[in-house]
N, C-alpha and C. Protein backbone atom coordinates (compact mmCIF):
# COMPACT_ATOMS: atom_id res chain seq x y z
N UNK A 1 -0.21 -5.86 -22.31
CA UNK A 1 -0.71 -6.09 -21.13
C UNK A 1 -1.44 -7.31 -21.12
N UNK A 2 -1.19 -8.34 -20.07
CA UNK A 2 -1.97 -9.70 -20.09
C UNK A 2 -2.80 -9.60 -18.98
N UNK A 3 -3.80 -10.13 -19.12
CA UNK A 3 -4.80 -10.58 -17.93
C UNK A 3 -4.58 -11.94 -17.56
N UNK A 4 -4.63 -12.22 -16.10
CA UNK A 4 -4.68 -13.33 -15.62
C UNK A 4 -6.01 -14.18 -15.69
N UNK A 5 -5.92 -15.52 -15.52
CA UNK A 5 -7.32 -16.00 -15.65
C UNK A 5 -8.33 -15.76 -14.45
N UNK A 6 -7.45 -15.57 -13.13
CA UNK A 6 -8.23 -14.88 -11.96
C UNK A 6 -8.86 -13.63 -12.38
N UNK A 7 -8.10 -12.80 -13.14
CA UNK A 7 -8.85 -11.48 -13.55
C UNK A 7 -9.96 -11.66 -14.39
N UNK A 8 -9.89 -12.61 -15.31
CA UNK A 8 -10.92 -12.85 -16.31
C UNK A 8 -12.25 -13.41 -15.57
N UNK A 9 -11.98 -14.34 -14.51
CA UNK A 9 -13.02 -14.93 -13.70
C UNK A 9 -13.57 -13.64 -12.81
N UNK A 10 -12.68 -12.94 -11.99
CA UNK A 10 -13.13 -11.78 -11.26
C UNK A 10 -14.08 -10.82 -12.08
N UNK A 11 -13.57 -10.50 -13.09
CA UNK A 11 -14.43 -9.33 -13.88
C UNK A 11 -15.35 -9.90 -14.71
N UNK A 12 -15.67 -11.12 -14.78
CA UNK A 12 -16.55 -11.81 -15.86
C UNK A 12 -16.50 -11.36 -17.15
N UNK A 13 -15.15 -11.23 -17.60
CA UNK A 13 -14.93 -10.93 -18.96
C UNK A 13 -15.37 -11.90 -19.97
N UNK A 14 -16.17 -11.56 -21.10
CA UNK A 14 -16.58 -12.25 -22.18
C UNK A 14 -15.33 -12.91 -22.87
N UNK A 15 -15.60 -14.16 -23.43
CA UNK A 15 -14.67 -14.87 -24.13
C UNK A 15 -14.74 -14.57 -25.63
N UNK A 16 -13.99 -14.35 -26.56
CA UNK A 16 -14.01 -14.37 -27.93
C UNK A 16 -13.19 -15.60 -28.66
N UNK A 17 -13.49 -15.70 -30.02
CA UNK A 17 -12.74 -16.71 -30.48
C UNK A 17 -11.18 -16.60 -30.54
N UNK A 18 -10.38 -17.51 -30.20
CA UNK A 18 -9.04 -17.34 -30.13
C UNK A 18 -8.32 -17.71 -31.47
N UNK A 19 -7.05 -17.32 -31.35
CA UNK A 19 -6.31 -17.68 -32.40
C UNK A 19 -5.82 -19.29 -32.62
N UNK A 20 -6.24 -19.99 -33.67
CA UNK A 20 -6.25 -21.34 -33.90
C UNK A 20 -4.63 -21.94 -33.81
N UNK A 21 -3.74 -21.09 -34.17
CA UNK A 21 -2.55 -21.38 -34.20
C UNK A 21 -1.71 -21.19 -32.93
N UNK A 22 -2.24 -20.85 -32.03
CA UNK A 22 -1.51 -20.48 -30.75
C UNK A 22 -1.16 -21.68 -30.10
N UNK A 23 0.21 -21.86 -30.07
CA UNK A 23 1.00 -23.12 -29.56
C UNK A 23 0.85 -23.16 -27.99
N UNK A 24 0.45 -22.10 -27.45
CA UNK A 24 0.07 -22.08 -25.86
C UNK A 24 -1.13 -22.64 -25.30
N UNK A 25 -2.03 -22.73 -26.34
CA UNK A 25 -3.53 -22.97 -26.20
C UNK A 25 -3.70 -24.14 -25.55
N UNK A 26 -3.19 -25.37 -26.11
CA UNK A 26 -3.56 -26.60 -25.49
C UNK A 26 -3.15 -26.86 -23.91
N UNK A 27 -2.12 -26.29 -23.61
CA UNK A 27 -1.59 -26.47 -22.19
C UNK A 27 -2.53 -25.54 -21.43
N UNK A 28 -2.96 -24.32 -21.67
CA UNK A 28 -3.78 -23.54 -21.07
C UNK A 28 -5.21 -24.17 -20.98
N UNK A 29 -5.68 -24.81 -22.01
CA UNK A 29 -7.03 -25.47 -22.05
C UNK A 29 -6.88 -26.51 -21.22
N UNK A 30 -6.12 -27.40 -21.07
CA UNK A 30 -5.90 -28.54 -20.18
C UNK A 30 -5.90 -28.10 -18.73
N UNK A 31 -5.06 -26.93 -18.45
CA UNK A 31 -4.89 -26.44 -17.25
C UNK A 31 -6.38 -26.10 -16.48
N UNK A 32 -7.00 -25.22 -17.57
CA UNK A 32 -8.29 -24.63 -16.95
C UNK A 32 -9.59 -25.31 -17.40
N UNK A 33 -9.44 -26.46 -18.19
CA UNK A 33 -10.79 -27.20 -18.58
C UNK A 33 -11.47 -26.64 -19.70
N UNK A 34 -10.48 -26.10 -20.70
CA UNK A 34 -11.41 -25.55 -21.92
C UNK A 34 -11.03 -26.73 -23.04
N UNK A 35 -11.91 -26.73 -24.03
CA UNK A 35 -11.61 -27.57 -25.10
C UNK A 35 -10.40 -27.08 -25.93
N UNK A 36 -9.52 -27.90 -25.90
CA UNK A 36 -8.31 -27.60 -26.87
C UNK A 36 -8.44 -27.45 -28.15
N UNK A 37 -9.74 -27.93 -28.83
CA UNK A 37 -9.83 -27.68 -30.19
C UNK A 37 -10.47 -26.34 -30.67
N UNK A 38 -10.89 -25.69 -29.41
CA UNK A 38 -11.76 -24.37 -29.74
C UNK A 38 -11.12 -23.30 -28.77
N UNK A 39 -9.99 -22.88 -29.25
CA UNK A 39 -9.31 -21.63 -28.44
C UNK A 39 -10.33 -20.31 -28.32
N UNK A 40 -10.13 -19.95 -27.23
CA UNK A 40 -10.64 -18.44 -26.77
C UNK A 40 -9.77 -17.53 -26.33
N UNK A 41 -10.07 -16.38 -26.40
CA UNK A 41 -9.40 -15.29 -25.82
C UNK A 41 -10.10 -14.37 -25.12
N UNK A 42 -9.63 -13.38 -24.12
CA UNK A 42 -10.21 -12.25 -23.47
C UNK A 42 -9.42 -10.95 -23.80
N UNK A 43 -10.14 -9.90 -23.98
CA UNK A 43 -9.51 -8.61 -24.60
C UNK A 43 -9.63 -7.82 -23.29
N UNK A 44 -8.25 -7.30 -22.95
CA UNK A 44 -8.16 -6.44 -22.01
C UNK A 44 -8.99 -5.16 -22.03
N UNK A 45 -9.41 -4.68 -23.32
CA UNK A 45 -10.12 -3.66 -23.56
C UNK A 45 -11.66 -3.87 -22.91
N UNK A 46 -11.98 -5.04 -22.50
CA UNK A 46 -13.25 -5.40 -22.17
C UNK A 46 -13.37 -4.79 -20.72
N UNK A 47 -12.44 -4.52 -20.09
CA UNK A 47 -12.28 -3.97 -18.62
C UNK A 47 -12.62 -2.35 -18.79
N UNK A 48 -13.50 -1.97 -17.80
CA UNK A 48 -13.80 -0.41 -17.69
C UNK A 48 -12.39 0.34 -17.70
N UNK A 49 -12.26 1.33 -18.56
CA UNK A 49 -11.13 2.04 -18.53
C UNK A 49 -10.51 2.53 -17.16
N UNK A 50 -11.30 2.84 -16.17
CA UNK A 50 -10.76 3.22 -14.75
C UNK A 50 -10.27 1.90 -14.20
N UNK A 51 -10.70 0.88 -14.34
CA UNK A 51 -10.14 -0.16 -13.62
C UNK A 51 -8.83 -0.73 -14.27
N UNK A 52 -8.90 -0.67 -15.60
CA UNK A 52 -7.69 -1.00 -16.61
C UNK A 52 -6.67 -0.10 -16.07
N UNK A 53 -6.87 1.28 -15.89
CA UNK A 53 -5.73 2.26 -15.42
C UNK A 53 -5.29 1.69 -13.95
N UNK A 54 -6.19 1.42 -13.13
CA UNK A 54 -5.85 0.97 -11.86
C UNK A 54 -4.86 -0.24 -11.73
N UNK A 55 -5.14 -1.20 -12.57
CA UNK A 55 -4.49 -2.28 -12.59
C UNK A 55 -3.06 -1.99 -13.33
N UNK A 56 -2.91 -1.20 -14.21
CA UNK A 56 -1.77 -0.76 -14.79
C UNK A 56 -0.75 -0.25 -13.95
N UNK A 57 -1.47 0.84 -13.12
CA UNK A 57 -0.45 1.68 -12.17
C UNK A 57 -0.06 0.62 -11.13
N UNK A 58 -0.93 -0.25 -10.56
CA UNK A 58 -0.54 -0.87 -9.46
C UNK A 58 0.37 -2.04 -10.09
N UNK A 59 0.45 -2.34 -11.25
CA UNK A 59 1.51 -3.31 -11.83
C UNK A 59 2.78 -2.53 -11.85
N UNK A 60 2.91 -1.52 -12.38
CA UNK A 60 4.23 -0.68 -12.50
C UNK A 60 4.69 -0.01 -11.25
N UNK A 61 3.77 0.15 -10.35
CA UNK A 61 4.24 1.16 -9.14
C UNK A 61 5.54 0.73 -8.52
N UNK A 62 5.62 -0.67 -8.06
CA UNK A 62 6.65 -1.18 -7.56
C UNK A 62 8.31 -0.86 -8.34
N UNK A 63 8.10 -0.48 -9.46
CA UNK A 63 9.21 -0.34 -10.29
C UNK A 63 9.66 1.11 -10.58
N UNK A 64 8.79 2.22 -10.11
CA UNK A 64 8.81 3.57 -10.18
C UNK A 64 10.05 3.87 -9.35
N UNK A 65 10.84 4.82 -9.68
CA UNK A 65 11.94 5.37 -9.00
C UNK A 65 11.39 6.61 -8.66
N UNK A 66 10.99 7.02 -7.60
CA UNK A 66 10.27 8.34 -7.09
C UNK A 66 11.06 9.46 -7.36
N UNK A 67 12.47 9.49 -6.99
CA UNK A 67 13.37 10.52 -7.21
C UNK A 67 13.47 10.91 -8.83
N UNK A 68 13.63 9.96 -9.57
CA UNK A 68 13.72 10.20 -11.08
C UNK A 68 12.29 10.74 -11.64
N UNK A 69 11.37 10.25 -10.99
CA UNK A 69 9.99 10.63 -11.54
C UNK A 69 9.62 12.20 -11.23
N UNK A 70 10.15 12.52 -9.92
CA UNK A 70 10.05 13.89 -9.59
C UNK A 70 10.77 14.93 -10.49
N UNK A 71 12.09 14.54 -10.74
CA UNK A 71 13.10 15.03 -11.40
C UNK A 71 12.44 15.31 -12.97
N UNK A 72 11.78 14.21 -13.34
CA UNK A 72 11.14 14.25 -14.84
C UNK A 72 9.80 15.26 -14.68
N UNK A 73 9.19 15.29 -13.80
CA UNK A 73 8.13 16.17 -13.68
C UNK A 73 8.37 17.56 -13.57
N UNK A 74 9.39 17.78 -12.73
CA UNK A 74 10.12 19.33 -12.55
C UNK A 74 10.47 19.70 -13.78
N UNK A 75 11.17 18.96 -14.70
CA UNK A 75 11.60 19.13 -16.20
C UNK A 75 10.60 19.60 -17.00
N UNK A 76 9.54 18.79 -16.95
CA UNK A 76 8.28 19.03 -17.82
C UNK A 76 7.68 20.28 -17.46
N UNK A 77 7.39 20.63 -16.30
CA UNK A 77 6.81 21.73 -15.83
C UNK A 77 7.66 23.13 -16.18
N UNK A 78 9.09 23.06 -16.09
CA UNK A 78 9.78 23.93 -16.70
C UNK A 78 9.66 24.17 -18.01
N UNK A 79 9.47 23.06 -18.67
CA UNK A 79 9.33 23.36 -20.15
C UNK A 79 7.99 23.87 -20.61
N UNK A 80 6.90 23.33 -19.89
CA UNK A 80 5.38 24.02 -20.08
C UNK A 80 5.60 25.46 -19.74
N UNK A 81 6.15 26.08 -18.75
CA UNK A 81 6.36 27.55 -18.37
C UNK A 81 7.21 28.30 -19.56
N UNK A 82 8.03 27.77 -20.07
CA UNK A 82 8.81 28.23 -21.07
C UNK A 82 8.10 28.26 -22.48
N UNK A 83 7.35 27.15 -22.61
CA UNK A 83 6.55 27.14 -23.85
C UNK A 83 5.30 28.41 -23.51
N UNK A 84 4.64 28.47 -22.40
CA UNK A 84 3.74 29.32 -22.17
C UNK A 84 4.14 30.56 -22.31
N UNK A 85 5.28 31.07 -21.68
CA UNK A 85 6.10 32.38 -22.09
C UNK A 85 5.97 32.77 -23.36
N UNK A 86 6.68 31.78 -24.13
CA UNK A 86 6.98 31.87 -25.41
C UNK A 86 5.47 32.40 -26.27
N UNK A 87 4.61 31.52 -25.89
CA UNK A 87 3.15 31.79 -26.62
C UNK A 87 2.57 33.20 -26.29
N UNK A 88 2.63 33.55 -24.95
CA UNK A 88 2.30 34.77 -24.45
C UNK A 88 2.95 35.95 -25.38
N UNK A 89 3.95 35.76 -25.71
CA UNK A 89 4.84 36.69 -26.35
C UNK A 89 4.66 36.75 -27.78
N UNK A 90 4.00 35.60 -28.38
CA UNK A 90 3.81 35.39 -29.78
C UNK A 90 3.12 36.62 -30.46
N UNK A 91 3.51 37.42 -31.18
CA UNK A 91 2.71 38.28 -31.95
C UNK A 91 2.43 39.60 -31.04
N UNK A 92 2.81 39.70 -30.04
CA UNK A 92 2.59 40.78 -29.18
C UNK A 92 3.29 41.89 -29.60
N UNK A 93 4.35 41.91 -30.20
CA UNK A 93 5.18 43.17 -30.71
C UNK A 93 5.25 43.09 -32.22
N UNK A 94 4.42 42.45 -32.76
CA UNK A 94 4.36 42.19 -34.26
C UNK A 94 5.58 41.31 -34.85
N UNK A 95 6.30 40.86 -33.99
CA UNK A 95 7.44 40.00 -34.49
C UNK A 95 7.41 38.71 -34.24
N UNK A 96 8.28 37.80 -34.28
CA UNK A 96 8.33 36.30 -34.08
C UNK A 96 7.77 35.70 -35.43
C-alpha cells in the first residue's frame, strides 16, 4: 500500500531516511520541493491502525463483488458450523 503526498501532509506523518538508489526520488523531490540529494520516505505503519484500516477498506470497496462476497461468507459460516460440530463430538464417545 502506498500513501499519497496529500495523505502524508494531512496526517502529519514523520519522514524517515529514504533509499538513496531510488530512481523515482529526483522527480518526486523536484515536484514537491525536496532536496534531491537527501531522499526521505514515509511509512504507512505510522498511521493509526483504525485509520489505516479505513483507508484500505475505502480503496478496495469499489472493486468488491457483493454477491461473491456474500457467497464466500456463507461458505465460511457453513465450514465453521461443521468444524464446531466435529469438535463438540470429539472425545464424547471415547472415539475419534
